[in-house]
Each structure stands twice: as structure tokens, then as C-alpha cells.
Amino acid sequence: MKIYELRKRPKEEIQKILKDDREKLKQLRFDLAAGKVRNIREIRKVKKEIAQILTLLTELSKKARWKMKANPKGQTSSPNEQ
């Protein structure tokens, strides 16, 4: 999945995709140990997608913190504008 596709989704759905990808990676690792995996690049692809999702979630949390820090107590204007 492309990063621009992830950015369009709600946070809850992104977290669900992350959980699914982690399960998929776990299964791929077990299959690799058992000799069932033929396409090892699939593991790399899933790990990359997990990293992208984690980065996106970090960006979202930082953006939320920034908004709260910039606008404490729900003020709409800065104190200098009064």
C-alpha cells in the first residue's frame, strides 16, 4: 500500500492495518523457518509497510500534540492580538 493511500484513511483503520501486517509478518517468519516461503521479498515488503505505518502514526501524534500546544484551553487567537 502506498503512503498517500494510508494518509487518506482514519487512524483506527491504519492501526488495524498495522495489526494485520504484524500478524502477516509473524506468519511469514514461521513459514520461512518451515521452508514454505518461496518469495522472500514478501517479508521485506511487509516490513517496509509496517515502518511506513509507524512513521505515519508518529506524524499524526506529533501533529495532534503540536495543535494542543499551539492552542491551549481552546483559545482561538493569540494573547498578543487582544
Protein backbone atom coordinates (compact mmCIF):
# COMPACT_ATOMS: atom_id res chain seq x y z
CA MET A 1 0.00 0.00 0.00
CA LYS A 2 1.29 3.44 -0.87
CA ILE A 3 1.79 6.09 1.80
CA TYR A 4 -0.63 8.50 0.12
CA GLU A 5 -3.30 5.81 0.35
CA LEU A 6 -2.63 5.40 4.07
CA ARG A 7 -2.86 9.15 4.70
CA LYS A 8 -6.45 9.16 3.41
CA ARG A 9 -7.59 6.56 5.95
CA PRO A 10 -8.76 7.19 9.52
CA LYS A 11 -6.35 6.46 12.37
CA GLU A 12 -8.34 3.45 13.62
CA GLU A 13 -8.18 1.79 10.22
CA ILE A 14 -4.44 2.45 9.98
CA GLN A 15 -3.96 0.77 13.36
CA LYS A 16 -5.96 -2.24 12.17
CA ILE A 17 -3.80 -2.50 9.03
CA LEU A 18 -0.70 -2.36 11.27
CA LYS A 19 -2.02 -5.20 13.41
CA ASP A 20 -2.82 -7.28 10.31
CA ASP A 21 0.63 -6.64 8.83
CA ARG A 22 2.34 -7.68 12.05
CA GLU A 23 0.37 -10.93 12.04
CA LYS A 24 1.25 -11.44 8.38
CA LEU A 25 4.96 -10.90 9.13
CA LYS A 26 4.78 -13.34 12.03
CA GLN A 27 3.21 -15.96 9.76
CA LEU A 28 5.79 -15.35 7.04
CA ARG A 29 8.61 -15.85 9.54
CA PHE A 30 7.13 -19.14 10.70
CA ASP A 31 6.68 -20.24 7.11
CA LEU A 32 10.26 -19.25 6.31
CA ALA A 33 11.57 -21.36 9.17
CA ALA A 34 9.44 -24.28 7.95
CA GLY A 35 10.71 -23.84 4.38
CA LYS A 36 7.30 -22.92 2.94
CA VAL A 37 8.15 -19.39 1.74
CA ARG A 38 9.24 -19.12 -1.86
CA ASN A 39 9.13 -15.35 -2.19
CA ILE A 40 11.39 -13.89 0.50
CA ARG A 41 10.81 -10.38 -0.85
CA GLU A 42 7.32 -10.54 0.61
CA ILE A 43 8.88 -10.31 4.08
CA ARG A 44 10.77 -7.18 3.06
CA LYS A 45 7.60 -5.67 1.60
CA VAL A 46 5.60 -6.27 4.78
CA LYS A 47 8.38 -4.89 7.00
CA LYS A 48 8.55 -1.77 4.84
CA GLU A 49 4.79 -1.26 5.08
CA ILE A 50 4.93 -1.65 8.87
CA ALA A 51 7.67 1.00 9.04
CA GLN A 52 5.62 3.38 6.88
CA ILE A 53 2.56 2.92 9.06
CA LEU A 54 4.54 3.51 12.25
CA THR A 55 6.04 6.65 10.74
CA LEU A 56 2.61 7.91 9.74
CA LEU A 57 1.19 7.24 13.21
CA THR A 58 4.11 9.12 14.76
CA GLU A 59 3.47 12.07 12.44
CA LEU A 60 -0.21 12.08 13.39
CA SER A 61 0.52 12.03 17.11
CA LYS A 62 3.10 14.81 16.79
CA LYS A 63 0.65 16.88 14.75
CA ALA A 64 -2.01 16.41 17.42
CA ARG A 65 0.43 17.39 20.17
CA TRP A 66 1.50 20.44 18.16
CA LYS A 67 -2.11 21.58 17.78
CA MET A 68 -2.72 21.17 21.51
CA LYS A 69 0.46 23.02 22.35
CA ALA A 70 -0.27 25.87 19.92
CA ASN A 71 -3.88 26.22 21.07
CA PRO A 72 -4.14 25.53 24.83
CA LYS A 73 -7.56 25.70 26.50
CA GLY A 74 -9.31 26.14 23.14
CA GLN A 75 -8.22 29.72 22.54
CA THR A 76 -8.86 30.94 19.01
CA SER A 77 -6.48 33.89 18.98
CA SER A 78 -3.04 34.54 20.36
CA PRO A 79 -2.70 36.59 23.57
CA ASN A 80 -0.91 39.41 21.68
CA GLU A 81 -3.95 40.10 19.50
CA GLN A 82 -6.19 41.25 22.38
